Amino acid sequence: MVLTINVAVLLAVVIILRLRRRTEARSRNDEKLTVGIVLVFGVLIAPTAFGQGILDVVVQLVQGVSQSGR
């Protein structure tokens, strides 16, 4: 039996666990590490179908907000 781990899923779990901590308990370096992990996660899911779906939703949301401002 071969066990494979998707790196994007692993990073998503790490992000969720890190964001559950209280804000007061985080140091500046801890916050920088979280930002770096989130950026790597974004790069990993961007070319996937899920990432493209998120991009489409964000584009539609931005277009709706910009049109309502006119």
N, C-alpha and C. Protein backbone atom coordinates (compact mmCIF):
# COMPACT_ATOMS: atom_id res chain seq x y z
N MET A 1 0.84 -1.18 0.00
CA MET A 1 0.00 0.00 0.00
C MET A 1 0.89 1.25 0.00
N VAL A 2 0.61 2.14 -0.92
CA VAL A 2 1.37 3.37 -1.04
C VAL A 2 0.51 4.52 -0.53
N LEU A 3 1.08 5.31 0.36
CA LEU A 3 0.37 6.46 0.91
C LEU A 3 0.95 7.72 0.28
N THR A 4 0.09 8.51 -0.34
CA THR A 4 0.54 9.77 -0.90
C THR A 4 -0.15 10.91 -0.15
N ILE A 5 0.58 11.98 0.02
CA ILE A 5 0.05 13.15 0.71
C ILE A 5 0.10 14.33 -0.25
N ASN A 6 -1.03 14.93 -0.47
CA ASN A 6 -1.09 16.12 -1.29
C ASN A 6 -0.55 17.29 -0.46
N VAL A 7 0.45 17.96 -0.97
CA VAL A 7 1.10 19.05 -0.22
C VAL A 7 0.11 20.19 0.03
N ALA A 8 -0.75 20.48 -0.92
CA ALA A 8 -1.72 21.56 -0.74
C ALA A 8 -2.68 21.24 0.40
N VAL A 9 -3.12 19.98 0.49
CA VAL A 9 -4.02 19.59 1.58
C VAL A 9 -3.29 19.68 2.91
N LEU A 10 -2.06 19.24 2.94
CA LEU A 10 -1.27 19.32 4.16
C LEU A 10 -1.09 20.77 4.60
N LEU A 11 -0.78 21.65 3.66
CA LEU A 11 -0.64 23.07 4.00
C LEU A 11 -1.96 23.67 4.47
N ALA A 12 -3.08 23.25 3.88
CA ALA A 12 -4.38 23.75 4.32
C ALA A 12 -4.63 23.37 5.77
N VAL A 13 -4.28 22.16 6.16
CA VAL A 13 -4.45 21.73 7.55
C VAL A 13 -3.54 22.55 8.47
N VAL A 14 -2.30 22.77 8.05
CA VAL A 14 -1.37 23.57 8.85
C VAL A 14 -1.90 24.99 9.01
N ILE A 15 -2.43 25.57 7.95
CA ILE A 15 -2.97 26.93 8.02
C ILE A 15 -4.14 27.00 8.99
N ILE A 16 -5.03 26.05 8.91
CA ILE A 16 -6.20 26.04 9.81
C ILE A 16 -5.74 25.93 11.26
N LEU A 17 -4.79 25.04 11.52
CA LEU A 17 -4.30 24.89 12.90
C LEU A 17 -3.61 26.16 13.39
N ARG A 18 -2.85 26.81 12.52
CA ARG A 18 -2.15 28.03 12.93
C ARG A 18 -3.12 29.18 13.15
N LEU A 19 -4.16 29.28 12.35
CA LEU A 19 -5.10 30.39 12.49
C LEU A 19 -6.06 30.22 13.67
N ARG A 20 -6.15 29.02 14.21
CA ARG A 20 -7.02 28.79 15.37
C ARG A 20 -6.41 29.36 16.64
N ARG A 21 -5.11 29.63 16.64
CA ARG A 21 -4.46 30.18 17.83
C ARG A 21 -4.92 31.60 18.08
N ARG A 22 -4.87 32.01 19.31
CA ARG A 22 -5.26 33.37 19.68
C ARG A 22 -4.30 34.38 19.07
N THR A 23 -4.80 35.51 18.68
CA THR A 23 -3.98 36.55 18.05
C THR A 23 -2.91 37.06 19.01
N GLU A 24 -3.26 37.20 20.28
CA GLU A 24 -2.32 37.74 21.26
C GLU A 24 -1.12 36.81 21.46
N ALA A 25 -1.30 35.53 21.17
CA ALA A 25 -0.23 34.56 21.41
C ALA A 25 0.77 34.48 20.25
N ARG A 26 0.55 35.24 19.20
CA ARG A 26 1.43 35.17 18.02
C ARG A 26 2.51 36.23 18.08
N SER A 27 3.72 35.84 17.75
CA SER A 27 4.81 36.80 17.64
C SER A 27 4.86 37.30 16.20
N ARG A 28 5.69 38.29 15.98
CA ARG A 28 5.83 38.84 14.63
C ARG A 28 6.39 37.79 13.67
N ASN A 29 7.37 37.01 14.13
CA ASN A 29 7.94 35.96 13.28
C ASN A 29 6.91 34.87 12.99
N ASP A 30 6.07 34.57 13.97
CA ASP A 30 5.02 33.58 13.78
C ASP A 30 4.03 34.04 12.71
N GLU A 31 3.70 35.31 12.71
CA GLU A 31 2.79 35.85 11.70
C GLU A 31 3.44 35.84 10.32
N LYS A 32 4.73 36.15 10.25
CA LYS A 32 5.44 36.12 8.97
C LYS A 32 5.48 34.70 8.40
N LEU A 33 5.69 33.71 9.27
CA LEU A 33 5.70 32.32 8.83
C LEU A 33 4.33 31.91 8.30
N THR A 34 3.26 32.34 8.98
CA THR A 34 1.91 32.03 8.52
C THR A 34 1.64 32.64 7.15
N VAL A 35 2.06 33.87 6.95
CA VAL A 35 1.89 34.53 5.65
C VAL A 35 2.65 33.78 4.57
N GLY A 36 3.86 33.35 4.86
CA GLY A 36 4.64 32.57 3.89
C GLY A 36 3.97 31.26 3.54
N ILE A 37 3.43 30.57 4.54
CA ILE A 37 2.74 29.31 4.29
C ILE A 37 1.51 29.53 3.42
N VAL A 38 0.77 30.60 3.70
CA VAL A 38 -0.43 30.91 2.90
C VAL A 38 -0.05 31.24 1.47
N LEU A 39 1.04 31.96 1.26
CA LEU A 39 1.49 32.27 -0.11
C LEU A 39 1.87 31.01 -0.87
N VAL A 40 2.59 30.11 -0.22
CA VAL A 40 2.96 28.84 -0.87
C VAL A 40 1.70 28.04 -1.20
N PHE A 41 0.74 28.02 -0.28
CA PHE A 41 -0.52 27.33 -0.51
C PHE A 41 -1.24 27.91 -1.73
N GLY A 42 -1.27 29.22 -1.85
CA GLY A 42 -1.90 29.87 -3.00
C GLY A 42 -1.23 29.50 -4.31
N VAL A 43 0.08 29.44 -4.30
CA VAL A 43 0.81 29.06 -5.51
C VAL A 43 0.52 27.60 -5.88
N LEU A 44 0.37 26.75 -4.88
CA LEU A 44 0.11 25.33 -5.16
C LEU A 44 -1.29 25.08 -5.70
N ILE A 45 -2.30 25.83 -5.21
CA ILE A 45 -3.66 25.54 -5.68
C ILE A 45 -4.06 26.38 -6.89
N ALA A 46 -3.27 27.39 -7.26
CA ALA A 46 -3.64 28.26 -8.37
C ALA A 46 -3.87 27.52 -9.68
N PRO A 47 -3.03 26.58 -10.09
CA PRO A 47 -3.25 25.94 -11.39
C PRO A 47 -4.30 24.82 -11.36
N THR A 48 -4.86 24.50 -10.20
CA THR A 48 -5.84 23.41 -10.12
C THR A 48 -7.23 23.90 -10.49
N ALA A 49 -8.14 22.98 -10.71
CA ALA A 49 -9.52 23.34 -11.03
C ALA A 49 -10.16 24.08 -9.86
N PHE A 50 -9.85 23.65 -8.64
CA PHE A 50 -10.38 24.33 -7.45
C PHE A 50 -9.87 25.77 -7.39
N GLY A 51 -8.59 25.97 -7.66
CA GLY A 51 -8.02 27.32 -7.66
C GLY A 51 -8.64 28.20 -8.74
N GLN A 52 -8.90 27.63 -9.91
CA GLN A 52 -9.54 28.40 -10.98
C GLN A 52 -10.98 28.76 -10.60
N GLY A 53 -11.66 27.86 -9.90
CA GLY A 53 -13.02 28.15 -9.44
C GLY A 53 -13.03 29.30 -8.45
N ILE A 54 -12.07 29.31 -7.53
CA ILE A 54 -11.95 30.41 -6.58
C ILE A 54 -11.66 31.71 -7.32
N LEU A 55 -10.77 31.66 -8.30
CA LEU A 55 -10.45 32.86 -9.08
C LEU A 55 -11.69 33.39 -9.79
N ASP A 56 -12.49 32.51 -10.38
CA ASP A 56 -13.71 32.95 -11.06
C ASP A 56 -14.68 33.63 -10.10
N VAL A 57 -14.83 33.08 -8.91
CA VAL A 57 -15.73 33.68 -7.91
C VAL A 57 -15.23 35.05 -7.49
N VAL A 58 -13.93 35.17 -7.25
CA VAL A 58 -13.36 36.45 -6.84
C VAL A 58 -13.50 37.49 -7.95
N VAL A 59 -13.28 37.08 -9.20
CA VAL A 59 -13.42 38.01 -10.33
C VAL A 59 -14.86 38.50 -10.43
N GLN A 60 -15.83 37.60 -10.30
CA GLN A 60 -17.23 38.00 -10.37
C GLN A 60 -17.58 38.94 -9.21
N LEU A 61 -17.06 38.67 -8.03
CA LEU A 61 -17.32 39.52 -6.88
C LEU A 61 -16.74 40.91 -7.08
N VAL A 62 -15.52 40.99 -7.57
CA VAL A 62 -14.88 42.29 -7.81
C VAL A 62 -15.62 43.06 -8.89
N GLN A 63 -16.04 42.38 -9.96
CA GLN A 63 -16.78 43.05 -11.02
C GLN A 63 -18.12 43.57 -10.49
N GLY A 64 -18.80 42.80 -9.66
CA GLY A 64 -20.06 43.24 -9.08
C GLY A 64 -19.89 44.45 -8.19
N VAL A 65 -18.83 44.46 -7.39
CA VAL A 65 -18.58 45.59 -6.49
C VAL A 65 -18.21 46.82 -7.31
N SER A 66 -17.39 46.66 -8.34
CA SER A 66 -16.98 47.83 -9.13
C SER A 66 -18.15 48.39 -9.94
N GLN A 67 -19.06 47.54 -10.39
CA GLN A 67 -20.22 48.04 -11.13
C GLN A 67 -21.22 48.70 -10.21
N SER A 68 -21.33 48.25 -8.96
CA SER A 68 -22.28 48.88 -8.04
C SER A 68 -21.78 50.25 -7.59
N GLY A 69 -20.49 50.49 -7.71
CA GLY A 69 -19.92 51.79 -7.34
C GLY A 69 -20.14 52.85 -8.41
N ARG A 70 -20.60 52.47 -9.57
CA ARG A 70 -20.80 53.46 -10.65
C ARG A 70 -22.12 54.12 -10.55
